[in-house]
Amino acid sequence: MTELSKSESEIYSLRKEKEAAIRDSKIDSFPTYFENTTNASEILKLHSNLTDGEKTEISTSVRGRILSIRSFGKLTFMDLKDYSGKIQLVLSQEELSTELAQYIENYDVGDLVGVSGNIMKTKKGEISIKVTDSILLSKSLRNFPEKWHGLKDKETRFRQRYLDFIVNEDAIKTIQTRFQIIKLIREFMDSKHFIEVETPTLQPKAGGAIARPFTTHHNAMSIDMFLRIAPELYLKRLIIGGFEKVYEIGKVFRNEGIDMTHSPEFTMMESYQAYTNVNGVMDMVEEMCCYVFSKLNVNSEISYLDSKADFSFPWKRISMFDLVNNKFNLNIDFDSDINSILSSLEKNFGLTYSSKTIGLLVYELFENHIEKEIIDPTFVTDYPKEVSPFARESKEKQGITERFELFAFGSELANGFSELIDPEDQEQRLKEQAIKKSDGDDEAHVEDKDYIDALEYGLPPTGGLGFGIDRFVMMLTNNESIREVIAFPHLKPES
């Protein structure tokens, strides 16, 4: 048990005394279950037509946590919260047995109780339950936050997330919305005849993305293993194996920095569809988001932090090269002279880069100066081959891949492409990545001979997608931090 302060220790001791008094009572307490007839929100909805001060003989029972206790002479008012909402309880000492009245005096804010009573409406117009019976289900031994409109200290909120959910309605609504969104994405994918699958979370090679992995060791096999940074390579093995449409929603892990939009553990939806390309994937993303928006009744104009974006469909599609050229008033193409471009950037904008290729330069300019400025949802296309080790090269543009990333409010939401199916090309790109890794780049991709072997059996033309669930939820719930949309975000130890 965490060490308590003096005041906390006194409260703890007092509540233990109350718990003992309840155990000594003749009322049978702490049952293993409690069935109720309805929930708080239904009671409020069903009896909204009562007039002020009206009492009924309609009996009901509810269960939940006490949020507040207010005593006025022989009348006591409590607010009870269940999963659906909050309802007021009215207790009159004159109408309760002496034994039950003394029993209820041992209740504290935070206790979990079951109550029975009749529906009424107070003179002030609040639908309530006039309590006739009650039982303690679980005793809260710790003092709850005084300000029921919510904990304010973010560290406290995330370290004691269970308290945050009790006192912050917005925190609960965010997590409820999150899982509603995930459910809708599943509904959409299932309607398109995708099969939901599971691939290994613990992998012998950390593949499918460019990122630093978490490493562990399997004692029985005496090998190092890795928490997956992506399920991509296993999902494509399924396509090789004859599945035409597969998807997976699950956690991926990247041993990198933490900030407002990055978490070491986050949720992705990855899908792979045979016989389609990057354009088919972009169409599917738009259709999927449109389905989610319509089911959630989301307006096409979305406010997020201090910005507004127009999410009306179809979404804009533009080449990364066009974005860079428009931003810097250049005419960069893949066969441009890199030294001339570097000189122009330094002369006209004071920017110094040491990029070795046009592709890397364009990507760095986009990442450093343009990405954060994209507010309306936009598919950025024409990614350079150097930063796209698993994307198919364009037949029309040498050095450019059939890849997109979807951006909105300055953050990446999705990444997709026509999958590279040529095993020789794939092997060469992975060897180039391996050279970078040996030169000290921890995020470079590893060689994966088994995946190359699989490709040699033939991967059909395939469109792949990685979709960031957490950031999508952030935007739809107007939360600036990824920690808000994760039930239990990672934090540094207090000491």
Protein backbone atom coordinates (compact mmCIF):
# COMPACT_ATOMS: atom_id res chain seq x y z
CA MET A 1 0.00 0.00 0.00
CA THR A 2 1.25 3.51 -0.87
CA GLU A 3 2.39 5.46 2.18
CA LEU A 4 -0.32 7.84 3.38
CA SER A 5 0.01 11.38 4.66
CA LYS A 6 -1.17 12.14 8.21
CA SER A 7 -4.56 13.48 7.07
CA GLU A 8 -5.01 10.59 4.63
CA SER A 9 -4.11 8.13 7.39
CA GLU A 10 -6.75 9.63 9.68
CA ILE A 11 -9.40 9.38 6.97
CA TYR A 12 -8.35 5.79 6.25
CA SER A 13 -8.64 4.83 9.92
CA LEU A 14 -12.05 6.50 10.27
CA ARG A 15 -13.39 4.70 7.22
CA LYS A 16 -12.05 1.37 8.52
CA GLU A 17 -14.04 2.00 11.70
CA LYS A 18 -17.14 2.65 9.63
CA GLU A 19 -16.50 -0.52 7.65
CA ALA A 20 -16.27 -2.48 10.93
CA ALA A 21 -19.55 -0.96 12.12
CA ILE A 22 -21.23 -2.04 8.90
CA ARG A 23 -19.87 -5.58 9.27
CA ASP A 24 -21.23 -5.67 12.83
CA SER A 25 -24.68 -4.60 11.67
CA LYS A 26 -27.48 -7.12 11.35
CA ILE A 27 -27.90 -5.98 7.74
CA ASP A 28 -26.18 -8.50 5.48
CA SER A 29 -23.54 -6.44 3.66
CA PHE A 30 -20.92 -6.95 0.92
CA PRO A 31 -22.97 -9.33 -1.27
CA THR A 32 -21.28 -11.03 -4.20
CA TYR A 33 -23.81 -9.58 -6.64
CA PHE A 34 -26.60 -7.00 -6.86
CA GLU A 35 -29.23 -7.02 -9.59
CA ASN A 36 -31.02 -3.81 -10.45
CA THR A 37 -34.04 -3.19 -12.60
CA THR A 38 -32.78 -0.22 -14.59
CA ASN A 39 -29.95 2.30 -14.84
CA ALA A 40 -29.75 5.97 -13.91
CA SER A 41 -30.11 7.43 -17.41
CA GLU A 42 -33.17 5.28 -18.16
CA ILE A 43 -34.88 6.42 -14.95
CA LEU A 44 -34.29 10.05 -15.85
CA LYS A 45 -35.55 9.50 -19.39
CA LEU A 46 -38.63 7.44 -18.49
CA HIS A 47 -39.87 9.86 -15.81
CA SER A 48 -39.00 13.23 -17.32
CA ASN A 49 -42.73 14.12 -17.46
CA LEU A 50 -43.18 14.20 -13.66
CA THR A 51 -44.19 17.56 -12.22
CA ASP A 52 -42.10 19.34 -9.58
CA GLY A 53 -42.69 17.82 -6.17
CA GLU A 54 -44.55 14.79 -7.55
CA LYS A 55 -44.10 11.46 -5.74
CA THR A 56 -44.95 8.06 -7.20
CA GLU A 57 -45.39 4.51 -6.03
CA ILE A 58 -43.12 3.28 -8.85
CA SER A 59 -40.38 1.25 -7.23
CA THR A 60 -36.93 0.71 -8.67
CA SER A 61 -33.43 -0.22 -7.61
CA VAL A 62 -30.04 1.03 -8.74
CA ARG A 63 -26.40 0.40 -7.92
CA GLY A 64 -23.34 2.58 -8.23
CA ARG A 65 -20.84 4.87 -6.53
CA ILE A 66 -21.71 7.72 -4.19
CA LEU A 67 -20.36 10.99 -5.59
CA SER A 68 -21.61 13.36 -2.92
CA ILE A 69 -23.48 13.43 0.39
CA ARG A 70 -25.43 16.48 1.61
CA SER A 71 -27.36 16.48 4.89
CA PHE A 72 -30.11 18.94 5.85
CA GLY A 73 -31.54 17.98 9.24
CA LYS A 74 -33.45 14.75 8.84
CA LEU A 75 -33.09 14.77 5.07
CA THR A 76 -29.98 13.51 3.28
CA PHE A 77 -29.26 13.82 -0.43
CA MET A 78 -26.72 11.66 -2.27
CA ASP A 79 -25.63 11.62 -5.89
CA LEU A 80 -25.20 8.08 -7.20
CA LYS A 81 -23.25 7.35 -10.39
CA ASP A 82 -23.48 4.21 -12.49
CA TYR A 83 -22.05 3.51 -15.97
CA SER A 84 -24.91 5.38 -17.65
CA GLY A 85 -24.98 8.58 -15.63
CA LYS A 86 -25.93 10.13 -12.30
CA ILE A 87 -29.14 10.20 -10.22
CA GLN A 88 -30.05 11.80 -6.89
CA LEU A 89 -31.05 9.74 -3.86
CA VAL A 90 -33.30 11.22 -1.15
CA LEU A 91 -33.18 9.68 2.33
CA SER A 92 -35.53 10.65 5.17
CA GLN A 93 -34.59 9.46 8.65
CA GLU A 94 -38.28 9.59 9.63
CA GLU A 95 -39.21 7.06 6.93
CA LEU A 96 -36.28 4.66 7.47
CA SER A 97 -35.94 2.14 10.27
CA THR A 98 -33.56 3.20 13.05
CA GLU A 99 -31.27 0.33 12.16
CA LEU A 100 -31.09 1.28 8.45
CA ALA A 101 -30.65 4.99 9.23
CA GLN A 102 -27.69 4.22 11.52
CA TYR A 103 -26.32 1.84 8.89
CA ILE A 104 -26.43 4.51 6.16
CA GLU A 105 -24.67 7.01 8.44
CA ASN A 106 -21.52 4.92 7.81
CA TYR A 107 -21.64 5.68 4.09
CA ASP A 108 -18.89 7.87 2.61
CA VAL A 109 -18.27 9.51 -0.72
CA GLY A 110 -16.78 6.85 -3.00
CA ASP A 111 -18.68 3.91 -1.49
CA LEU A 112 -20.40 1.49 -3.84
CA VAL A 113 -23.99 0.84 -2.79
CA GLY A 114 -27.22 -0.69 -3.94
CA VAL A 115 -30.49 1.11 -3.18
CA SER A 116 -34.22 0.51 -3.63
CA GLY A 117 -36.94 3.12 -3.52
CA ASN A 118 -39.70 5.02 -5.29
CA ILE A 119 -39.36 7.45 -8.18
CA MET A 120 -40.08 11.10 -7.36
CA LYS A 121 -39.32 14.61 -8.47
CA THR A 122 -38.11 17.18 -5.96
CA LYS A 123 -39.66 20.63 -5.64
CA LYS A 124 -36.56 21.96 -7.38
CA GLY A 125 -37.31 19.74 -10.38
CA GLU A 126 -34.76 16.95 -9.99
CA ILE A 127 -35.86 13.38 -10.66
CA SER A 128 -34.72 11.28 -7.69
CA ILE A 129 -35.20 8.02 -5.84
CA LYS A 130 -36.83 8.16 -2.40
CA VAL A 131 -34.78 5.44 -0.69
CA THR A 132 -36.57 2.67 1.23
CA ASP A 133 -33.68 0.19 1.45
CA SER A 134 -29.95 0.14 0.87
CA ILE A 135 -26.91 -2.11 1.19
CA LEU A 136 -23.17 -1.46 1.07
CA LEU A 137 -21.48 -3.32 -1.78
CA SER A 138 -17.91 -2.09 -1.31
CA LYS A 139 -16.27 0.44 1.03
CA SER A 140 -13.99 3.17 -0.26
CA LEU A 141 -11.16 3.53 2.25
CA ARG A 142 -9.51 6.50 0.56
CA ASN A 143 -10.70 10.07 0.29
CA PHE A 144 -11.91 11.16 -3.12
CA PRO A 145 -11.04 14.42 -4.91
CA GLU A 146 -13.17 17.28 -3.64
CA LYS A 147 -13.77 18.89 -7.03
CA TRP A 148 -16.11 16.54 -8.79
CA HIS A 149 -15.88 18.48 -12.03
CA GLY A 150 -12.54 16.76 -12.52
CA LEU A 151 -8.99 16.27 -11.45
CA LYS A 152 -6.86 19.09 -12.80
CA ASP A 153 -3.30 17.83 -12.36
CA LYS A 154 -2.48 15.81 -15.47
CA GLU A 155 0.11 13.64 -13.75
CA THR A 156 -2.40 12.67 -11.06
CA ARG A 157 -5.06 12.08 -13.69
CA PHE A 158 -2.95 9.63 -15.67
CA ARG A 159 -1.26 7.93 -12.71
CA GLN A 160 -4.61 7.36 -11.02
CA ARG A 161 -6.62 6.89 -14.17
CA TYR A 162 -9.37 5.05 -12.30
CA LEU A 163 -10.04 8.24 -10.31
CA ASP A 164 -9.98 10.26 -13.51
CA PHE A 165 -12.71 8.07 -14.98
CA ILE A 166 -14.82 8.42 -11.81
CA VAL A 167 -14.71 12.21 -11.69
CA ASN A 168 -14.17 13.25 -15.32
CA GLU A 169 -17.12 12.60 -17.63
CA ASP A 170 -15.05 13.70 -20.65
CA ALA A 171 -12.44 11.03 -19.91
CA ILE A 172 -15.07 8.30 -19.92
CA LYS A 173 -16.73 9.66 -23.08
CA THR A 174 -13.40 9.69 -24.90
CA ILE A 175 -12.72 6.02 -24.18
CA GLN A 176 -16.33 5.11 -25.04
CA THR A 177 -16.00 6.96 -28.35
CA ARG A 178 -12.67 5.25 -29.02
CA PHE A 179 -14.16 1.79 -28.84
CA GLN A 180 -17.22 2.87 -30.79
CA ILE A 181 -14.88 4.01 -33.58
CA ILE A 182 -12.99 0.71 -33.49
CA LYS A 183 -16.29 -1.18 -33.64
CA LEU A 184 -17.39 0.86 -36.67
CA ILE A 185 -14.08 0.27 -38.46
CA ARG A 186 -14.56 -3.47 -37.90
CA GLU A 187 -18.12 -3.24 -39.21
CA PHE A 188 -16.92 -1.50 -42.35
CA MET A 189 -14.06 -3.92 -43.01
CA ASP A 190 -16.32 -6.90 -42.44
CA SER A 191 -18.88 -5.44 -44.86
CA LYS A 192 -16.12 -5.33 -47.49
CA HIS A 193 -15.43 -9.04 -46.89
CA PHE A 194 -12.08 -8.55 -45.18
CA ILE A 195 -11.10 -11.28 -42.72
CA GLU A 196 -9.85 -10.13 -39.32
CA VAL A 197 -6.72 -12.06 -38.39
CA GLU A 198 -4.09 -12.19 -35.65
CA THR A 199 -0.36 -12.15 -36.31
CA PRO A 200 2.50 -12.55 -33.81
CA THR A 201 3.11 -9.73 -31.36
CA LEU A 202 6.43 -11.32 -30.39
CA GLN A 203 8.56 -11.63 -33.52
CA PRO A 204 12.03 -13.03 -34.34
CA LYS A 205 12.65 -9.97 -36.55
CA ALA A 206 11.22 -6.49 -36.05
CA GLY A 207 9.98 -5.84 -39.56
CA GLY A 208 7.39 -4.00 -41.60
CA ALA A 209 8.35 -0.46 -40.63
CA ILE A 210 11.35 1.76 -40.01
CA ALA A 211 11.53 2.14 -36.23
CA ARG A 212 13.54 1.17 -33.15
CA PRO A 213 12.08 -1.98 -31.53
CA PHE A 214 11.72 -3.21 -27.98
CA THR A 215 13.95 -6.24 -27.44
CA THR A 216 13.44 -9.22 -25.16
CA HIS A 217 14.83 -12.75 -24.86
CA HIS A 218 13.11 -16.11 -25.21
CA ASN A 219 14.80 -18.40 -22.72
CA ALA A 220 13.53 -21.75 -24.00
CA MET A 221 14.62 -21.05 -27.59
CA SER A 222 17.65 -19.02 -26.48
CA ILE A 223 17.01 -16.24 -29.00
CA ASP A 224 16.37 -12.51 -28.87
CA MET A 225 12.87 -11.52 -29.90
CA PHE A 226 11.11 -8.23 -30.53
CA LEU A 227 7.75 -6.64 -29.83
CA ARG A 228 6.33 -5.98 -33.26
CA ILE A 229 6.72 -2.55 -34.80
CA ALA A 230 4.15 -3.57 -37.44
CA PRO A 231 2.19 -6.68 -38.47
CA GLU A 232 2.85 -5.94 -42.16
CA LEU A 233 5.12 -8.77 -43.24
CA TYR A 234 2.96 -11.45 -41.63
CA LEU A 235 -0.21 -10.02 -43.16
CA LYS A 236 1.42 -10.09 -46.60
CA ARG A 237 2.43 -13.71 -46.01
CA LEU A 238 -1.31 -14.38 -45.62
CA ILE A 239 -1.96 -12.76 -49.01
CA ILE A 240 0.74 -15.00 -50.50
CA GLY A 241 -1.02 -17.93 -48.82
CA GLY A 242 -4.26 -17.23 -50.67
CA PHE A 243 -6.22 -14.84 -48.44
CA GLU A 244 -7.37 -11.95 -50.63
CA LYS A 245 -8.52 -9.44 -47.99
CA VAL A 246 -7.13 -9.38 -44.45
CA TYR A 247 -6.93 -6.83 -41.66
CA GLU A 248 -5.76 -6.63 -38.07
CA ILE A 249 -6.48 -4.11 -35.32
CA GLY A 250 -3.89 -4.34 -32.57
CA LYS A 251 -1.04 -2.87 -30.60
CA VAL A 252 2.36 -2.07 -32.10
CA PHE A 253 5.43 -1.02 -30.16
CA ARG A 254 8.21 1.44 -31.00
CA ASN A 255 11.05 2.23 -28.64
CA GLU A 256 11.12 5.93 -29.41
CA GLY A 257 10.25 9.31 -27.95
CA ILE A 258 7.01 10.26 -26.22
CA ASP A 259 5.18 13.47 -27.04
CA MET A 260 1.65 14.75 -27.65
CA THR A 261 1.12 12.52 -30.72
CA HIS A 262 3.55 9.64 -30.04
CA SER A 263 3.32 6.75 -27.60
CA PRO A 264 5.66 3.72 -27.37
CA GLU A 265 2.56 1.50 -27.49
CA PHE A 266 -0.25 2.45 -29.85
CA THR A 267 -3.07 0.92 -31.86
CA MET A 268 -3.01 0.41 -35.62
CA MET A 269 -5.39 -1.01 -38.16
CA GLU A 270 -3.46 -2.65 -41.00
CA SER A 271 -5.17 -4.09 -44.06
CA TYR A 272 -4.01 -5.80 -47.24
CA GLN A 273 -6.10 -6.43 -50.32
CA ALA A 274 -4.98 -8.47 -53.31
CA TYR A 275 -5.47 -7.17 -56.86
CA THR A 276 -5.74 -3.49 -55.98
CA ASN A 277 -3.23 -0.63 -55.85
CA VAL A 278 -2.57 2.59 -53.98
CA ASN A 279 -5.56 4.35 -55.55
CA GLY A 280 -7.90 1.58 -54.43
CA VAL A 281 -6.49 1.91 -50.90
CA MET A 282 -7.09 5.68 -50.84
CA ASP A 283 -10.64 5.12 -52.03
CA MET A 284 -11.17 2.57 -49.24
CA VAL A 285 -9.82 4.93 -46.56
CA GLU A 286 -12.23 7.66 -47.66
CA GLU A 287 -15.14 5.22 -47.70
CA MET A 288 -14.20 3.84 -44.27
CA CYS A 289 -13.95 7.29 -42.70
CA CYS A 290 -17.21 8.33 -44.35
CA TYR A 291 -18.89 5.28 -42.76
CA VAL A 292 -17.51 6.16 -39.31
CA PHE A 293 -18.54 9.81 -39.64
CA SER A 294 -22.08 8.96 -40.72
CA LYS A 295 -22.62 6.45 -37.90
CA LEU A 296 -21.26 8.89 -35.30
CA ASN A 297 -23.15 11.82 -36.84
CA VAL A 298 -19.89 13.73 -37.16
CA ASN A 299 -20.09 17.06 -38.97
CA SER A 300 -17.75 17.44 -41.95
CA GLU A 301 -16.28 20.57 -40.35
CA ILE A 302 -14.18 19.36 -37.42
CA SER A 303 -12.69 21.61 -34.75
CA TYR A 304 -9.47 20.37 -33.23
CA LEU A 305 -7.50 22.48 -30.75
CA ASP A 306 -7.30 25.93 -32.33
CA SER A 307 -7.98 24.82 -35.92
CA LYS A 308 -10.90 23.84 -38.10
CA ALA A 309 -10.69 21.42 -40.99
CA ASP A 310 -13.10 20.53 -43.75
CA PHE A 311 -13.44 16.73 -43.83
CA SER A 312 -15.93 16.76 -46.72
CA PHE A 313 -15.34 14.01 -49.24
CA PRO A 314 -13.49 13.49 -51.53
CA TRP A 315 -10.24 14.46 -49.89
CA LYS A 316 -7.43 16.26 -51.66
CA ARG A 317 -4.64 14.21 -53.30
CA ILE A 318 -1.35 15.93 -54.12
CA SER A 319 2.23 14.96 -54.92
CA MET A 320 4.91 15.57 -52.31
CA PHE A 321 7.04 17.08 -55.10
CA ASP A 322 4.28 19.58 -55.97
CA LEU A 323 3.96 20.59 -52.31
CA VAL A 324 7.71 21.20 -52.04
CA ASN A 325 7.89 23.07 -55.35
CA ASN A 326 4.96 25.31 -54.41
CA LYS A 327 6.40 26.01 -50.95
CA PHE A 328 9.89 26.94 -52.12
CA ASN A 329 9.07 28.19 -55.64
CA LEU A 330 11.26 25.49 -57.17
CA ASN A 331 10.98 23.03 -60.03
CA ILE A 332 12.44 19.92 -58.42
CA ASP A 333 12.10 16.69 -60.34
CA PHE A 334 13.77 13.37 -59.72
CA ASP A 335 16.43 14.06 -62.34
CA SER A 336 17.15 17.59 -61.05
CA ASP A 337 20.73 18.55 -60.20
CA ILE A 338 20.90 18.20 -56.42
CA ASN A 339 23.83 20.60 -55.97
CA SER A 340 21.93 23.34 -57.80
CA ILE A 341 18.85 22.78 -55.64
CA LEU A 342 20.89 22.77 -52.41
CA SER A 343 22.54 26.03 -53.44
CA SER A 344 19.18 27.63 -54.24
CA LEU A 345 17.74 26.61 -50.88
CA GLU A 346 20.67 28.08 -49.00
CA LYS A 347 20.73 31.28 -51.03
CA ASN A 348 17.00 32.02 -51.02
CA PHE A 349 15.84 30.49 -47.74
CA GLY A 350 18.94 30.09 -45.59
CA LEU A 351 18.38 26.33 -45.44
CA THR A 352 21.36 24.00 -45.32
CA TYR A 353 20.89 20.33 -46.12
CA SER A 354 23.35 17.52 -46.74
CA SER A 355 20.94 15.13 -48.44
CA LYS A 356 22.66 12.70 -50.80
CA THR A 357 19.75 12.30 -53.24
CA ILE A 358 16.86 14.35 -54.60
CA GLY A 359 14.42 11.91 -53.05
CA LEU A 360 15.81 12.31 -49.55
CA LEU A 361 15.98 16.09 -49.93
CA VAL A 362 12.36 16.39 -51.03
CA TYR A 363 11.27 14.14 -48.16
CA GLU A 364 13.24 16.14 -45.58
CA LEU A 365 11.89 19.45 -46.90
CA PHE A 366 8.34 18.10 -46.72
CA GLU A 367 8.81 16.62 -43.24
CA ASN A 368 10.47 19.72 -41.78
CA HIS A 369 8.53 22.55 -43.42
CA ILE A 370 5.21 21.37 -44.90
CA GLU A 371 3.76 18.42 -42.97
CA LYS A 372 2.70 20.47 -39.94
CA GLU A 373 0.92 23.01 -42.18
CA ILE A 374 -1.54 20.49 -43.65
CA ILE A 375 -4.86 21.08 -41.85
CA ASP A 376 -7.57 19.72 -44.17
CA PRO A 377 -7.32 15.95 -44.75
CA THR A 378 -4.91 15.41 -47.62
CA PHE A 379 -3.41 12.35 -49.29
CA VAL A 380 0.24 13.18 -49.98
CA THR A 381 1.51 10.95 -52.81
CA ASP A 382 4.74 10.28 -54.75
CA TYR A 383 6.98 9.24 -51.87
CA PRO A 384 10.66 8.73 -52.78
CA LYS A 385 11.93 5.17 -53.08
CA GLU A 386 14.64 5.84 -50.48
CA VAL A 387 12.11 6.17 -47.65
CA SER A 388 9.66 3.52 -48.89
CA PRO A 389 11.37 0.11 -48.66
CA PHE A 390 8.14 -1.90 -49.17
CA ALA A 391 6.35 0.27 -51.76
CA ARG A 392 6.21 -0.49 -55.46
CA GLU A 393 8.07 1.88 -57.77
CA SER A 394 5.97 3.92 -60.18
CA LYS A 395 6.08 2.80 -63.82
CA GLU A 396 5.83 6.43 -64.97
CA LYS A 397 8.22 8.12 -62.51
CA GLN A 398 11.58 6.55 -61.76
CA GLY A 399 12.59 6.79 -58.10
CA ILE A 400 9.00 7.50 -56.99
CA THR A 401 6.81 4.92 -55.29
CA GLU A 402 3.07 4.32 -55.39
CA ARG A 403 2.67 5.41 -51.80
CA PHE A 404 0.61 7.93 -49.86
CA GLU A 405 0.35 9.26 -46.35
CA LEU A 406 -2.85 10.86 -45.10
CA PHE A 407 -2.40 14.05 -43.07
CA ALA A 408 -4.84 16.23 -41.15
CA PHE A 409 -4.25 18.92 -38.53
CA GLY A 410 -0.50 18.51 -39.14
CA SER A 411 -0.38 14.83 -38.14
CA GLU A 412 -0.10 11.62 -40.10
CA LEU A 413 -3.23 9.46 -39.94
CA ALA A 414 -2.51 6.72 -42.44
CA ASN A 415 0.18 5.23 -44.64
CA GLY A 416 -0.52 3.07 -47.66
CA PHE A 417 0.93 1.86 -50.94
CA SER A 418 1.02 -0.57 -53.77
CA GLU A 419 3.07 -3.34 -52.21
CA LEU A 420 6.44 -4.27 -53.66
CA ILE A 421 6.06 -7.78 -55.11
CA ASP A 422 9.43 -8.23 -56.84
CA PRO A 423 11.60 -10.40 -54.52
CA GLU A 424 14.89 -9.27 -56.08
CA ASP A 425 14.03 -5.58 -55.76
CA GLN A 426 12.79 -6.18 -52.19
CA GLU A 427 15.97 -8.02 -51.23
CA GLN A 428 18.14 -5.22 -52.60
CA ARG A 429 16.19 -2.55 -50.68
CA LEU A 430 16.45 -4.51 -47.44
CA LYS A 431 20.19 -4.93 -47.97
CA GLU A 432 20.48 -1.15 -48.33
CA GLN A 433 18.54 -0.77 -45.08
CA ALA A 434 20.83 -3.31 -43.39
CA ILE A 435 23.86 -1.24 -44.39
CA LYS A 436 22.28 1.79 -42.73
CA LYS A 437 21.64 -0.28 -39.60
CA SER A 438 25.25 -1.46 -39.49
CA ASP A 439 26.33 2.18 -39.83
CA GLY A 440 24.44 3.01 -36.62
CA ASP A 441 20.89 3.76 -37.76
CA ASP A 442 18.80 1.99 -35.07
CA GLU A 443 15.59 2.65 -36.96
CA ALA A 444 16.71 1.12 -40.27
CA HIS A 445 15.02 -2.11 -41.34
CA VAL A 446 16.59 -5.51 -40.87
CA GLU A 447 17.16 -8.09 -43.61
CA ASP A 448 14.47 -10.76 -43.61
CA LYS A 449 15.43 -13.77 -45.72
CA ASP A 450 12.28 -15.68 -44.77
CA TYR A 451 10.10 -12.88 -46.14
CA ILE A 452 12.11 -12.84 -49.38
CA ASP A 453 11.63 -16.62 -49.64
CA ALA A 454 7.88 -16.08 -49.25
CA LEU A 455 7.87 -13.41 -51.98
CA GLU A 456 9.55 -15.85 -54.36
CA TYR A 457 6.38 -17.94 -54.28
CA GLY A 458 4.50 -14.93 -55.65
CA LEU A 459 2.68 -12.02 -54.00
CA PRO A 460 -0.22 -10.81 -56.18
CA PRO A 461 -0.61 -7.09 -56.86
CA THR A 462 -1.60 -5.83 -53.42
CA GLY A 463 -2.67 -2.59 -51.75
CA GLY A 464 -1.69 -2.14 -48.12
CA LEU A 465 -2.76 0.29 -45.41
CA GLY A 466 -1.68 1.29 -41.92
CA PHE A 467 -4.26 3.46 -40.13
CA GLY A 468 -3.56 5.19 -36.78
CA ILE A 469 -6.51 4.60 -34.47
CA ASP A 470 -5.26 6.80 -31.62
CA ARG A 471 -4.74 9.95 -33.69
CA PHE A 472 -8.05 9.46 -35.44
CA VAL A 473 -9.76 9.32 -32.05
CA MET A 474 -7.82 12.40 -30.90
CA MET A 475 -9.21 14.42 -33.79
CA LEU A 476 -12.79 13.21 -33.42
CA THR A 477 -12.82 13.86 -29.66
CA ASN A 478 -10.78 17.10 -29.76
CA ASN A 479 -8.00 15.82 -27.46
CA GLU A 480 -4.57 17.35 -27.93
CA SER A 481 -2.64 14.52 -26.23
CA ILE A 482 -2.50 10.86 -27.25
CA ARG A 483 -2.50 10.02 -23.54
CA GLU A 484 -6.13 11.19 -23.33
CA VAL A 485 -7.34 8.56 -25.80
CA ILE A 486 -5.42 5.64 -24.25
CA ALA A 487 -7.02 4.12 -21.16
CA PHE A 488 -3.70 3.66 -19.35
CA PRO A 489 -0.86 5.65 -20.96
CA HIS A 490 2.76 5.01 -20.09
CA LEU A 491 4.41 7.34 -17.56
CA LYS A 492 7.84 7.67 -16.00
CA PRO A 493 8.04 6.31 -12.45
CA GLU A 494 7.41 8.97 -9.80
CA SER A 495 10.67 8.31 -7.98
